[in-house]
C-alpha cells in the first residue's frame, strides 16, 4: 500500500498525496492505467525493436504493402505490437509471469494475470456510449466491451486489432492495443477478407494486414493507449522526377559500395537488381533514391543477409535522401525481386 508521503508510483517524483493521492478514489483508474502503461513501455524497451533485425526487416515489408493507406507511425505500431504479442509471444509471457511475482498494486496484478495470450479480434460495433463500446466478435460470436473513445463515438462499423482481457469492464472486457483499427461501414470487402482469413485460422500478421493494402481503403486509427513513442513523419512536397535510365550503372555501383562497406555477400541480389534496371523504367530525382530503395527491398526479401543498416531512416541517411521518398521504389523493386 502506498503511503501518503511515499513517492507516487507513477514516477512523477512527487509525493503520493500531491500526485495521484489527490482524491484517490476518483483517480484510482488513472493510477492503474499509468502503471499498466509503464509496464508495457518497460517491456518494449527490453525488446529494443530498433536493434531487432528481423523486426526491422518486417517493418520494411509492411511499409511496402501499407504505405499507401497508413501513416508510418501506425505501420511501426502494427509491426512492433504484432511481433511481440502475436508472432513471438514467449518473451511477453515470461515478462508478465515475472511481473506478477513482484510487488505491485493488486488491481494491476489482477489485470496482467490475464494478459498471457493476446489475440486478434474482428468485431462489429453493436452499441456505444460515453464509457464503453459493445462489440460482437465476428469469429466466436461472443459479446465484448472496450473503453469508449475520447470523443464518445466510433469512426467505423468494425474493429480489428490485438486484444487483451480487461476485467475492469467485466467478464468480457477487453483492452485493444494502439495498432487497432476501425473499419468503415462502406468497406465490407476488407472486413470480409479479414474474416475469411481469421476463420481459416490464419494468424500471420503480414497476411492479415496486407488485406488493407490490397483494398487500398484508408482506415481510421483506434484511439487506444500508445505503447511505442514514434516521431511524426513530415512528408516532403512532391519533386519533379527525371528519368535515371542512363544512370543504371550509378545505382548498381551505389548498391555495390554499400554491400562492400558492410561486408555483405549478395551476388544474387546484385544480379537481380541489374535485371530490374535493364527491364524496368524507373524515374527518380537521384540514383541514390533508387539505390537506397533497392537495399531495403533486398533486406525485405532476404536477398541481402543480416548486417549493415536495417532501419529505413538509417539507409536513407546513408544515401543522403529522404526516407519518405523511398516507398514507391522499394515496393516496385521488392515485387520484382519476389517474382
C-alpha atoms as a PDB file:
ATOM      1  CA  UNK A   1       0.000   0.000   0.000  1.00  0.00           C
ATOM      2  CA  UNK A   2       1.361   3.428  -0.929  1.00  0.00           C
ATOM      3  CA  UNK A   3       1.654   5.863   1.987  1.00  0.00           C
ATOM      4  CA  UNK A   4       0.552   9.460   1.546  1.00  0.00           C
ATOM      5  CA  UNK A   5       4.122  10.717   1.935  1.00  0.00           C
ATOM      6  CA  UNK A   6       5.710   7.997  -0.205  1.00  0.00           C
ATOM      7  CA  UNK A   7       6.878   8.758  -3.755  1.00  0.00           C
ATOM      8  CA  UNK A   8       3.979   8.395  -6.168  1.00  0.00           C
ATOM      9  CA  UNK A   9       4.147   5.077  -8.092  1.00  0.00           C
ATOM     10  CA  UNK A  10       3.519   6.910 -11.368  1.00  0.00           C
ATOM     11  CA  UNK A  11       7.165   8.036 -11.335  1.00  0.00           C
ATOM     12  CA  UNK A  12       6.475  11.771 -11.269  1.00  0.00           C
ATOM     13  CA  UNK A  13       8.858  12.326  -8.336  1.00  0.00           C
ATOM     14  CA  UNK A  14       6.079  13.931  -6.284  1.00  0.00           C
ATOM     15  CA  UNK A  15       4.666  12.622  -3.025  1.00  0.00           C
ATOM     16  CA  UNK A  16       1.632  10.399  -3.480  1.00  0.00           C
ATOM     17  CA  UNK A  17      -0.601  12.845  -1.600  1.00  0.00           C
ATOM     18  CA  UNK A  18       0.334  15.638  -4.026  1.00  0.00           C
ATOM     19  CA  UNK A  19       0.007  13.490  -7.135  1.00  0.00           C
ATOM     20  CA  UNK A  20      -2.323  10.534  -7.694  1.00  0.00           C
ATOM     21  CA  UNK A  21      -3.208  10.536  -3.992  1.00  0.00           C
ATOM     22  CA  UNK A  22      -5.397  13.570  -4.540  1.00  0.00           C
ATOM     23  CA  UNK A  23      -8.961  12.314  -4.436  1.00  0.00           C
ATOM     24  CA  UNK A  24      -7.505   8.803  -4.526  1.00  0.00           C
ATOM     25  CA  UNK A  25     -10.791   7.048  -5.196  1.00  0.00           C
ATOM     26  CA  UNK A  26     -11.534   9.218  -8.206  1.00  0.00           C
ATOM     27  CA  UNK A  27      -8.009   8.844  -9.602  1.00  0.00           C
ATOM     28  CA  UNK A  28      -7.535   5.129  -8.963  1.00  0.00           C
ATOM     29  CA  UNK A  29      -8.355   4.249 -12.559  1.00  0.00           C
ATOM     30  CA  UNK A  30      -5.794   6.760 -13.834  1.00  0.00           C
ATOM     31  CA  UNK A  31      -3.169   5.392 -11.457  1.00  0.00           C
ATOM     32  CA  UNK A  32      -3.794   1.813 -12.607  1.00  0.00           C
ATOM     33  CA  UNK A  33      -3.611   2.922 -16.254  1.00  0.00           C
ATOM     34  CA  UNK A  34      -0.314   4.696 -15.600  1.00  0.00           C
ATOM     35  CA  UNK A  35       1.163   1.565 -14.047  1.00  0.00           C
ATOM     36  CA  UNK A  36      -0.024  -0.627 -16.918  1.00  0.00           C
ATOM     37  CA  UNK A  37       1.391   1.787 -19.473  1.00  0.00           C
ATOM     38  CA  UNK A  38       4.695   1.887 -17.631  1.00  0.00           C
ATOM     39  CA  UNK A  39       4.865  -1.929 -17.580  1.00  0.00           C
ATOM     40  CA  UNK A  40       4.325  -2.120 -21.327  1.00  0.00           C
ATOM     41  CA  UNK A  41       6.902   0.593 -22.033  1.00  0.00           C
ATOM     42  CA  UNK A  42       9.393  -1.332 -19.894  1.00  0.00           C
ATOM     43  CA  UNK A  43       8.708  -4.474 -21.896  1.00  0.00           C
ATOM     44  CA  UNK A  44       9.126  -2.721 -25.258  1.00  0.00           C
ATOM     45  CA  UNK A  45      12.417  -1.242 -24.057  1.00  0.00           C
ATOM     46  CA  UNK A  46      13.602  -4.734 -23.153  1.00  0.00           C
ATOM     47  CA  UNK A  47      12.709  -5.997 -26.619  1.00  0.00           C
ATOM     48  CA  UNK A  48      14.525  -2.990 -28.157  1.00  0.00           C
ATOM     49  CA  UNK A  49      12.860  -3.031 -31.615  1.00  0.00           C
ATOM     50  CA  UNK A  50      15.415  -0.594 -33.062  1.00  0.00           C
ATOM     51  CA  UNK A  51      18.169  -3.235 -32.844  1.00  0.00           C
ATOM     52  CA  UNK A  52      15.998  -6.204 -33.856  1.00  0.00           C
ATOM     53  CA  UNK A  53      16.956  -7.054 -37.432  1.00  0.00           C
ATOM     54  CA  UNK A  54      14.012  -9.389 -38.009  1.00  0.00           C
ATOM     55  CA  UNK A  55      11.558  -6.784 -36.763  1.00  0.00           C
ATOM     56  CA  UNK A  56      13.084  -4.035 -38.910  1.00  0.00           C
ATOM     57  CA  UNK A  57      13.028  -6.307 -41.922  1.00  0.00           C
ATOM     58  CA  UNK A  58       9.326  -6.989 -41.467  1.00  0.00           C
ATOM     59  CA  UNK A  59       8.705  -3.257 -40.989  1.00  0.00           C
ATOM     60  CA  UNK A  60      10.049  -2.732 -44.484  1.00  0.00           C
ATOM     61  CA  UNK A  61       7.732  -5.441 -45.820  1.00  0.00           C
ATOM     62  CA  UNK A  62       4.736  -3.821 -44.150  1.00  0.00           C
ATOM     63  CA  UNK A  63       5.754  -0.402 -45.483  1.00  0.00           C
ATOM     64  CA  UNK A  64       5.766  -1.810 -48.981  1.00  0.00           C
ATOM     65  CA  UNK A  65       2.209  -3.080 -48.571  1.00  0.00           C
ATOM     66  CA  UNK A  66       0.645  -0.404 -46.392  1.00  0.00           C
ATOM     67  CA  UNK A  67       2.383   2.929 -47.037  1.00  0.00           C
ATOM     68  CA  UNK A  68      -0.406   3.990 -49.405  1.00  0.00           C
ATOM     69  CA  UNK A  69      -3.099   3.582 -46.725  1.00  0.00           C
ATOM     70  CA  UNK A  70      -1.431   4.066 -43.313  1.00  0.00           C
ATOM     71  CA  UNK A  71       0.971   6.680 -41.894  1.00  0.00           C
ATOM     72  CA  UNK A  72       4.438   5.389 -40.987  1.00  0.00           C
ATOM     73  CA  UNK A  73       3.891   5.702 -37.231  1.00  0.00           C
ATOM     74  CA  UNK A  74       0.872   3.378 -37.429  1.00  0.00           C
ATOM     75  CA  UNK A  75       2.768   0.850 -39.544  1.00  0.00           C
ATOM     76  CA  UNK A  76       5.517   0.985 -36.921  1.00  0.00           C
ATOM     77  CA  UNK A  77       2.981   0.250 -34.158  1.00  0.00           C
ATOM     78  CA  UNK A  78       1.473  -2.623 -36.171  1.00  0.00           C
ATOM     79  CA  UNK A  79       4.901  -4.111 -36.761  1.00  0.00           C
ATOM     80  CA  UNK A  80       6.068  -3.934 -33.150  1.00  0.00           C
ATOM     81  CA  UNK A  81       2.825  -4.994 -31.481  1.00  0.00           C
ATOM     82  CA  UNK A  82       2.106  -7.923 -33.796  1.00  0.00           C
ATOM     83  CA  UNK A  83       5.718  -9.066 -33.438  1.00  0.00           C
ATOM     84  CA  UNK A  84       5.892  -9.070 -29.644  1.00  0.00           C
ATOM     85  CA  UNK A  85       2.301 -10.010 -28.805  1.00  0.00           C
ATOM     86  CA  UNK A  86       1.321 -12.393 -31.637  1.00  0.00           C
ATOM     87  CA  UNK A  87       4.263 -13.686 -33.674  1.00  0.00           C
ATOM     88  CA  UNK A  88       6.742 -14.384 -30.870  1.00  0.00           C
ATOM     89  CA  UNK A  89       4.842 -14.029 -27.559  1.00  0.00           C
ATOM     90  CA  UNK A  90       7.211 -16.131 -25.400  1.00  0.00           C
ATOM     91  CA  UNK A  91       9.176 -13.115 -24.173  1.00  0.00           C
ATOM     92  CA  UNK A  92       5.943 -11.255 -23.364  1.00  0.00           C
ATOM     93  CA  UNK A  93       4.546 -14.251 -21.463  1.00  0.00           C
ATOM     94  CA  UNK A  94       7.764 -14.574 -19.450  1.00  0.00           C
ATOM     95  CA  UNK A  95       7.702 -10.845 -18.707  1.00  0.00           C
ATOM     96  CA  UNK A  96       4.109 -10.981 -17.439  1.00  0.00           C
ATOM     97  CA  UNK A  97       4.830 -14.041 -15.284  1.00  0.00           C
ATOM     98  CA  UNK A  98       7.821 -12.271 -13.758  1.00  0.00           C
ATOM     99  CA  UNK A  99       5.941  -9.038 -13.132  1.00  0.00           C
ATOM    100  CA  UNK A 100       3.116 -10.918 -11.430  1.00  0.00           C
ATOM    101  CA  UNK A 101       5.601 -12.066  -8.797  1.00  0.00           C
ATOM    102  CA  UNK A 102       6.737  -8.531  -7.956  1.00  0.00           C
ATOM    103  CA  UNK A 103       5.157  -6.115  -5.513  1.00  0.00           C
ATOM    104  CA  UNK A 104       2.561  -4.066  -7.300  1.00  0.00           C
ATOM    105  CA  UNK A 105      -0.918  -2.690  -6.848  1.00  0.00           C
ATOM    106  CA  UNK A 106      -3.388  -5.591  -6.540  1.00  0.00           C
ATOM    107  CA  UNK A 107      -5.662  -4.145  -9.230  1.00  0.00           C
ATOM    108  CA  UNK A 108      -2.753  -4.118 -11.678  1.00  0.00           C
ATOM    109  CA  UNK A 109      -1.746  -7.680 -10.798  1.00  0.00           C
ATOM    110  CA  UNK A 110      -5.311  -8.938 -11.357  1.00  0.00           C
ATOM    111  CA  UNK A 111      -5.333  -7.371 -14.809  1.00  0.00           C
ATOM    112  CA  UNK A 112      -1.963  -8.554 -16.104  1.00  0.00           C
ATOM    113  CA  UNK A 113      -2.502 -12.105 -14.861  1.00  0.00           C
ATOM    114  CA  UNK A 114      -4.981 -12.380 -17.766  1.00  0.00           C
ATOM    115  CA  UNK A 115      -2.558 -10.999 -20.357  1.00  0.00           C
ATOM    116  CA  UNK A 116      -0.601 -14.111 -21.296  1.00  0.00           C
ATOM    117  CA  UNK A 117      -2.365 -14.766 -24.597  1.00  0.00           C
ATOM    118  CA  UNK A 118      -3.040 -11.661 -26.717  1.00  0.00           C
ATOM    119  CA  UNK A 119      -5.183 -12.364 -29.777  1.00  0.00           C
ATOM    120  CA  UNK A 120      -6.681 -10.757 -32.844  1.00  0.00           C
ATOM    121  CA  UNK A 121     -10.277  -9.649 -32.728  1.00  0.00           C
ATOM    122  CA  UNK A 122     -12.577  -8.656 -35.590  1.00  0.00           C
ATOM    123  CA  UNK A 123     -15.850  -7.412 -34.142  1.00  0.00           C
ATOM    124  CA  UNK A 124     -18.935  -5.488 -35.143  1.00  0.00           C
ATOM    125  CA  UNK A 125     -19.831  -2.354 -33.178  1.00  0.00           C
ATOM    126  CA  UNK A 126     -23.201  -3.144 -31.624  1.00  0.00           C
ATOM    127  CA  UNK A 127     -23.592  -0.020 -29.479  1.00  0.00           C
ATOM    128  CA  UNK A 128     -21.593   2.652 -27.679  1.00  0.00           C
ATOM    129  CA  UNK A 129     -21.891   5.394 -25.127  1.00  0.00           C
ATOM    130  CA  UNK A 130     -19.514   7.719 -23.282  1.00  0.00           C
ATOM    131  CA  UNK A 131     -17.980   4.861 -21.266  1.00  0.00           C
ATOM    132  CA  UNK A 132     -17.935   1.651 -23.305  1.00  0.00           C
ATOM    133  CA  UNK A 133     -18.228   0.266 -26.813  1.00  0.00           C
ATOM    134  CA  UNK A 134     -20.044  -3.056 -27.085  1.00  0.00           C
ATOM    135  CA  UNK A 135     -18.695  -5.396 -29.748  1.00  0.00           C
ATOM    136  CA  UNK A 136     -19.902  -8.657 -31.282  1.00  0.00           C
ATOM    137  CA  UNK A 137     -16.963 -10.857 -32.273  1.00  0.00           C
ATOM    138  CA  UNK A 138     -17.409 -11.943 -35.896  1.00  0.00           C
ATOM    139  CA  UNK A 139     -15.434 -15.150 -35.280  1.00  0.00           C
ATOM    140  CA  UNK A 140     -16.566 -16.579 -31.939  1.00  0.00           C
ATOM    141  CA  UNK A 141     -19.958 -14.837 -31.741  1.00  0.00           C
ATOM    142  CA  UNK A 142     -19.329 -13.513 -28.218  1.00  0.00           C
ATOM    143  CA  UNK A 143     -20.072 -10.008 -26.968  1.00  0.00           C
ATOM    144  CA  UNK A 144     -17.254  -7.874 -25.547  1.00  0.00           C
ATOM    145  CA  UNK A 145     -16.782  -4.381 -24.165  1.00  0.00           C
ATOM    146  CA  UNK A 146     -13.881  -1.975 -24.672  1.00  0.00           C
ATOM    147  CA  UNK A 147     -13.366   1.547 -23.273  1.00  0.00           C
ATOM    148  CA  UNK A 148     -15.054   4.268 -25.300  1.00  0.00           C
ATOM    149  CA  UNK A 149     -13.009   6.617 -27.465  1.00  0.00           C
ATOM    150  CA  UNK A 150     -12.297  10.079 -26.112  1.00  0.00           C
ATOM    151  CA  UNK A 151     -14.949  11.506 -28.465  1.00  0.00           C
ATOM    152  CA  UNK A 152     -17.546   9.060 -27.174  1.00  0.00           C
ATOM    153  CA  UNK A 153     -18.292   7.693 -30.645  1.00  0.00           C
ATOM    154  CA  UNK A 154     -16.904   5.180 -33.154  1.00  0.00           C
ATOM    155  CA  UNK A 155     -15.399   6.138 -36.527  1.00  0.00           C
ATOM    156  CA  UNK A 156     -16.192   2.744 -38.053  1.00  0.00           C
ATOM    157  CA  UNK A 157     -18.503  -0.263 -38.228  1.00  0.00           C
ATOM    158  CA  UNK A 158     -15.980  -2.967 -37.251  1.00  0.00           C
ATOM    159  CA  UNK A 159     -12.918  -3.110 -35.032  1.00  0.00           C
ATOM    160  CA  UNK A 160      -9.815  -5.113 -35.913  1.00  0.00           C
ATOM    161  CA  UNK A 161      -6.704  -5.421 -33.789  1.00  0.00           C
ATOM    162  CA  UNK A 162      -4.902  -7.086 -30.912  1.00  0.00           C
ATOM    163  CA  UNK A 163      -6.940  -7.512 -27.750  1.00  0.00           C
ATOM    164  CA  UNK A 164      -6.202  -8.459 -24.134  1.00  0.00           C
ATOM    165  CA  UNK A 165      -8.729  -9.332 -21.392  1.00  0.00           C
ATOM    166  CA  UNK A 166      -9.597  -6.353 -19.167  1.00  0.00           C
ATOM    167  CA  UNK A 167     -11.575  -7.378 -16.061  1.00  0.00           C
ATOM    168  CA  UNK A 168     -12.186  -3.720 -15.194  1.00  0.00           C
ATOM    169  CA  UNK A 169     -15.005  -3.814 -17.755  1.00  0.00           C
ATOM    170  CA  UNK A 170     -16.445  -7.093 -16.509  1.00  0.00           C
ATOM    171  CA  UNK A 171     -16.062 -10.712 -17.539  1.00  0.00           C
ATOM    172  CA  UNK A 172     -15.998  -9.849 -21.245  1.00  0.00           C
ATOM    173  CA  UNK A 173     -13.968  -6.649 -21.026  1.00  0.00           C
ATOM    174  CA  UNK A 174     -11.121  -6.139 -23.496  1.00  0.00           C
ATOM    175  CA  UNK A 175      -8.229  -3.742 -23.925  1.00  0.00           C
ATOM    176  CA  UNK A 176      -7.200  -3.173 -27.542  1.00  0.00           C
ATOM    177  CA  UNK A 177      -3.672  -2.157 -28.496  1.00  0.00           C
ATOM    178  CA  UNK A 178      -2.699   1.109 -30.168  1.00  0.00           C
ATOM    179  CA  UNK A 179      -2.494  -0.501 -33.619  1.00  0.00           C
ATOM    180  CA  UNK A 180      -6.205  -1.418 -33.553  1.00  0.00           C
ATOM    181  CA  UNK A 181      -8.288  -0.055 -36.437  1.00  0.00           C
ATOM    182  CA  UNK A 182     -11.895   0.844 -37.042  1.00  0.00           C
ATOM    183  CA  UNK A 183     -13.087  -0.321 -40.464  1.00  0.00           C
ATOM    184  CA  UNK A 184     -15.712   1.990 -42.016  1.00  0.00           C
ATOM    185  CA  UNK A 185     -19.180   0.718 -42.912  1.00  0.00           C
ATOM    186  CA  UNK A 186     -18.580   1.075 -46.643  1.00  0.00           C
ATOM    187  CA  UNK A 187     -15.574  -1.264 -46.609  1.00  0.00           C
ATOM    188  CA  UNK A 188     -17.132  -4.686 -46.249  1.00  0.00           C
ATOM    189  CA  UNK A 189     -14.550  -6.013 -48.728  1.00  0.00           C
ATOM    190  CA  UNK A 190     -11.745  -5.556 -46.188  1.00  0.00           C
ATOM    191  CA  UNK A 191     -13.858  -6.876 -43.331  1.00  0.00           C
ATOM    192  CA  UNK A 192     -14.898  -9.971 -45.254  1.00  0.00           C
ATOM    193  CA  UNK A 193     -11.326 -10.685 -46.383  1.00  0.00           C
ATOM    194  CA  UNK A 194     -10.090 -10.466 -42.784  1.00  0.00           C
ATOM    195  CA  UNK A 195     -12.965 -12.612 -41.538  1.00  0.00           C
ATOM    196  CA  UNK A 196     -12.235 -15.321 -44.102  1.00  0.00           C
ATOM    197  CA  UNK A 197      -8.585 -15.472 -43.034  1.00  0.00           C
ATOM    198  CA  UNK A 198      -9.373 -15.494 -39.312  1.00  0.00           C
ATOM    199  CA  UNK A 199     -11.992 -18.227 -39.693  1.00  0.00           C
ATOM    200  CA  UNK A 200      -9.412 -20.246 -41.620  1.00  0.00           C
ATOM    201  CA  UNK A 201      -7.150 -19.998 -38.589  1.00  0.00           C
ATOM    202  CA  UNK A 202      -4.631 -17.616 -40.172  1.00  0.00           C
ATOM    203  CA  UNK A 203      -2.786 -15.612 -37.519  1.00  0.00           C
ATOM    204  CA  UNK A 204       0.198 -14.494 -39.589  1.00  0.00           C
ATOM    205  CA  UNK A 205       0.178 -10.730 -39.100  1.00  0.00           C
ATOM    206  CA  UNK A 206       1.607  -9.896 -42.507  1.00  0.00           C
ATOM    207  CA  UNK A 207      -1.056 -11.982 -44.259  1.00  0.00           C
ATOM    208  CA  UNK A 208      -3.800 -10.254 -42.284  1.00  0.00           C
ATOM    209  CA  UNK A 209      -2.674  -6.646 -42.525  1.00  0.00           C
ATOM    210  CA  UNK A 210      -1.784  -6.742 -46.209  1.00  0.00           C
ATOM    211  CA  UNK A 211      -5.541  -7.012 -46.787  1.00  0.00           C
ATOM    212  CA  UNK A 212      -5.734  -3.284 -46.070  1.00  0.00           C
ATOM    213  CA  UNK A 213      -3.170  -2.544 -48.765  1.00  0.00           C
ATOM    214  CA  UNK A 214      -4.973  -4.743 -51.271  1.00  0.00           C
ATOM    215  CA  UNK A 215      -8.280  -2.990 -50.609  1.00  0.00           C
ATOM    216  CA  UNK A 216      -6.479   0.383 -50.737  1.00  0.00           C
ATOM    217  CA  UNK A 217      -9.041   1.899 -48.358  1.00  0.00           C
ATOM    218  CA  UNK A 218      -7.633   4.338 -45.763  1.00  0.00           C
ATOM    219  CA  UNK A 219      -8.508   3.319 -42.203  1.00  0.00           C
ATOM    220  CA  UNK A 220      -9.091   5.350 -39.075  1.00  0.00           C
ATOM    221  CA  UNK A 221      -6.825   4.588 -36.142  1.00  0.00           C
ATOM    222  CA  UNK A 222      -8.420   3.493 -32.890  1.00  0.00           C
ATOM    223  CA  UNK A 223      -7.536   5.798 -30.015  1.00  0.00           C
ATOM    224  CA  UNK A 224      -6.041   3.326 -27.554  1.00  0.00           C
ATOM    225  CA  UNK A 225      -3.092   3.668 -25.213  1.00  0.00           C
ATOM    226  CA  UNK A 226       0.066   4.276 -27.243  1.00  0.00           C
ATOM    227  CA  UNK A 227       2.833   1.906 -26.154  1.00  0.00           C
ATOM    228  CA  UNK A 228       5.584   2.877 -28.548  1.00  0.00           C
ATOM    229  CA  UNK A 229       6.534   6.511 -28.894  1.00  0.00           C
ATOM    230  CA  UNK A 230       7.217   7.440 -32.506  1.00  0.00           C
ATOM    231  CA  UNK A 231       8.091  10.632 -34.309  1.00  0.00           C
ATOM    232  CA  UNK A 232       5.680  12.156 -36.778  1.00  0.00           C
ATOM    233  CA  UNK A 233       6.808  11.831 -40.372  1.00  0.00           C
ATOM    234  CA  UNK A 234       6.774  15.105 -42.295  1.00  0.00           C
ATOM    235  CA  UNK A 235       6.147  14.420 -45.933  1.00  0.00           C
ATOM    236  CA  UNK A 236       8.110  16.500 -48.401  1.00  0.00           C
ATOM    237  CA  UNK A 237       6.436  18.360 -51.230  1.00  0.00           C
ATOM    238  CA  UNK A 238       6.450  16.358 -54.476  1.00  0.00           C
ATOM    239  CA  UNK A 239       9.567  16.935 -56.541  1.00  0.00           C
ATOM    240  CA  UNK A 240       9.861  16.849 -60.275  1.00  0.00           C
ATOM    241  CA  UNK A 241      11.084  13.409 -61.273  1.00  0.00           C
ATOM    242  CA  UNK A 242      13.572  12.809 -64.073  1.00  0.00           C
ATOM    243  CA  UNK A 243      14.451   9.542 -65.710  1.00  0.00           C
ATOM    244  CA  UNK A 244      17.575   7.825 -64.467  1.00  0.00           C
ATOM    245  CA  UNK A 245      17.714   5.139 -67.143  1.00  0.00           C
ATOM    246  CA  UNK A 246      21.128   6.451 -68.215  1.00  0.00           C
ATOM    247  CA  UNK A 247      22.392   6.121 -64.670  1.00  0.00           C
ATOM    248  CA  UNK A 248      21.704   2.430 -64.131  1.00  0.00           C
ATOM    249  CA  UNK A 249      25.396   1.846 -63.586  1.00  0.00           C
ATOM    250  CA  UNK A 250      25.353   4.512 -60.855  1.00  0.00           C
ATOM    251  CA  UNK A 251      22.562   2.694 -58.985  1.00  0.00           C
ATOM    252  CA  UNK A 252      24.398  -0.605 -59.311  1.00  0.00           C
ATOM    253  CA  UNK A 253      27.665   0.985 -58.185  1.00  0.00           C
ATOM    254  CA  UNK A 254      25.996   2.637 -55.190  1.00  0.00           C
ATOM    255  CA  UNK A 255      24.467  -0.680 -54.134  1.00  0.00           C
ATOM    256  CA  UNK A 256      27.789  -2.498 -54.563  1.00  0.00           C
ATOM    257  CA  UNK A 257      29.555   0.155 -52.485  1.00  0.00           C
ATOM    258  CA  UNK A 258      27.088  -0.301 -49.623  1.00  0.00           C
ATOM    259  CA  UNK A 259      27.408  -4.088 -49.638  1.00  0.00           C
ATOM    260  CA  UNK A 260      31.200  -3.908 -49.728  1.00  0.00           C
ATOM    261  CA  UNK A 261      31.325  -1.395 -46.876  1.00  0.00           C
ATOM    262  CA  UNK A 262      29.305  -3.691 -44.623  1.00  0.00           C
ATOM    263  CA  UNK A 263      30.965  -6.920 -45.860  1.00  0.00           C
ATOM    264  CA  UNK A 264      27.704  -8.397 -47.136  1.00  0.00           C
ATOM    265  CA  UNK A 265      27.728 -11.137 -49.764  1.00  0.00           C
ATOM    266  CA  UNK A 266      24.713 -10.675 -52.055  1.00  0.00           C
ATOM    267  CA  UNK A 267      25.691 -11.670 -55.584  1.00  0.00           C
ATOM    268  CA  UNK A 268      22.205 -12.950 -56.432  1.00  0.00           C
ATOM    269  CA  UNK A 269      20.713  -9.654 -55.290  1.00  0.00           C
ATOM    270  CA  UNK A 270      23.084  -7.617 -57.457  1.00  0.00           C
ATOM    271  CA  UNK A 271      22.263  -9.777 -60.452  1.00  0.00           C
ATOM    272  CA  UNK A 272      18.519  -9.330 -59.937  1.00  0.00           C
ATOM    273  CA  UNK A 273      18.992  -5.604 -59.394  1.00  0.00           C
ATOM    274  CA  UNK A 274      20.777  -5.327 -62.729  1.00  0.00           C
ATOM    275  CA  UNK A 275      17.937  -7.231 -64.379  1.00  0.00           C
ATOM    276  CA  UNK A 276      15.482  -4.819 -62.800  1.00  0.00           C
ATOM    277  CA  UNK A 277      17.395  -1.784 -64.051  1.00  0.00           C
ATOM    278  CA  UNK A 278      17.646  -3.278 -67.546  1.00  0.00           C
ATOM    279  CA  UNK A 279      13.968  -4.138 -67.828  1.00  0.00           C
ATOM    280  CA  UNK A 280      12.046  -1.536 -65.825  1.00  0.00           C
ATOM    281  CA  UNK A 281      11.511   2.167 -66.363  1.00  0.00           C
ATOM    282  CA  UNK A 282      12.479   3.863 -63.119  1.00  0.00           C
ATOM    283  CA  UNK A 283      12.082   7.566 -62.515  1.00  0.00           C
ATOM    284  CA  UNK A 284      13.640   9.428 -59.609  1.00  0.00           C
ATOM    285  CA  UNK A 285      15.463  12.670 -58.988  1.00  0.00           C
ATOM    286  CA  UNK A 286      18.608  10.948 -57.765  1.00  0.00           C
ATOM    287  CA  UNK A 287      20.093   7.479 -58.355  1.00  0.00           C
ATOM    288  CA  UNK A 288      20.745   7.388 -54.593  1.00  0.00           C
ATOM    289  CA  UNK A 289      16.981   7.163 -54.062  1.00  0.00           C
ATOM    290  CA  UNK A 290      16.766   4.023 -56.201  1.00  0.00           C
ATOM    291  CA  UNK A 291      19.881   2.515 -54.595  1.00  0.00           C
ATOM    292  CA  UNK A 292      18.529   3.064 -51.070  1.00  0.00           C
ATOM    293  CA  UNK A 293      15.192   1.567 -52.099  1.00  0.00           C
ATOM    294  CA  UNK A 294      16.981  -1.414 -53.624  1.00  0.00           C
ATOM    295  CA  UNK A 295      18.933  -2.096 -50.417  1.00  0.00           C
ATOM    296  CA  UNK A 296      15.733  -2.045 -48.373  1.00  0.00           C
ATOM    297  CA  UNK A 297      13.995  -4.316 -50.882  1.00  0.00           C
ATOM    298  CA  UNK A 298      16.927  -6.717 -50.775  1.00  0.00           C
ATOM    299  CA  UNK A 299      16.710  -6.871 -46.989  1.00  0.00           C
ATOM    300  CA  UNK A 300      12.939  -7.350 -47.040  1.00  0.00           C
ATOM    301  CA  UNK A 301      13.236 -10.319 -49.427  1.00  0.00           C
ATOM    302  CA  UNK A 302      16.214 -11.875 -47.587  1.00  0.00           C
ATOM    303  CA  UNK A 303      18.432 -11.444 -50.635  1.00  0.00           C
ATOM    304  CA  UNK A 304      20.744  -9.282 -48.518  1.00  0.00           C
ATOM    305  CA  UNK A 305      21.943 -11.058 -45.367  1.00  0.00           C
ATOM    306  CA  UNK A 306      21.633  -9.646 -41.868  1.00  0.00           C
ATOM    307  CA  UNK A 307      24.086  -6.864 -41.118  1.00  0.00           C
ATOM    308  CA  UNK A 308      24.645  -3.261 -42.029  1.00  0.00           C
ATOM    309  CA  UNK A 309      21.842  -0.761 -41.606  1.00  0.00           C
ATOM    310  CA  UNK A 310      18.349  -2.116 -41.045  1.00  0.00           C
ATOM    311  CA  UNK A 311      16.190   0.933 -40.319  1.00  0.00           C
ATOM    312  CA  UNK A 312      14.654   2.848 -43.214  1.00  0.00           C
ATOM    313  CA  UNK A 313      15.787   6.236 -41.933  1.00  0.00           C
ATOM    314  CA  UNK A 314      19.366   4.985 -41.490  1.00  0.00           C
ATOM    315  CA  UNK A 315      19.596   3.629 -45.034  1.00  0.00           C
ATOM    316  CA  UNK A 316      18.083   6.895 -46.304  1.00  0.00           C
ATOM    317  CA  UNK A 317      20.641   8.929 -44.347  1.00  0.00           C
ATOM    318  CA  UNK A 318      23.462   6.754 -45.677  1.00  0.00           C
ATOM    319  CA  UNK A 319      22.498   7.721 -49.226  1.00  0.00           C
ATOM    320  CA  UNK A 320      21.576  11.303 -48.325  1.00  0.00           C
ATOM    321  CA  UNK A 321      17.922  11.035 -49.375  1.00  0.00           C
ATOM    322  CA  UNK A 322      14.546  11.416 -47.700  1.00  0.00           C
ATOM    323  CA  UNK A 323      13.049   8.296 -46.136  1.00  0.00           C
ATOM    324  CA  UNK A 324       9.603   9.378 -47.336  1.00  0.00           C
ATOM    325  CA  UNK A 325      10.772   9.216 -50.976  1.00  0.00           C
ATOM    326  CA  UNK A 326      11.631   5.515 -50.876  1.00  0.00           C
ATOM    327  CA  UNK A 327       8.300   3.699 -50.514  1.00  0.00           C
ATOM    328  CA  UNK A 328       7.353   3.769 -54.211  1.00  0.00           C
ATOM    329  CA  UNK A 329      10.665   2.413 -55.486  1.00  0.00           C
ATOM    330  CA  UNK A 330      11.081  -0.011 -52.593  1.00  0.00           C
ATOM    331  CA  UNK A 331       7.725  -1.623 -53.392  1.00  0.00           C
ATOM    332  CA  UNK A 332       8.483  -1.733 -57.112  1.00  0.00           C
ATOM    333  CA  UNK A 333      11.870  -3.391 -56.606  1.00  0.00           C
ATOM    334  CA  UNK A 334      10.533  -5.752 -53.906  1.00  0.00           C
ATOM    335  CA  UNK A 335       7.860  -7.034 -56.289  1.00  0.00           C
ATOM    336  CA  UNK A 336      10.491  -7.608 -58.980  1.00  0.00           C
ATOM    337  CA  UNK A 337      12.801  -9.469 -56.592  1.00  0.00           C
ATOM    338  CA  UNK A 338       9.951 -11.693 -55.390  1.00  0.00           C
ATOM    339  CA  UNK A 339       8.755 -12.531 -58.912  1.00  0.00           C
END
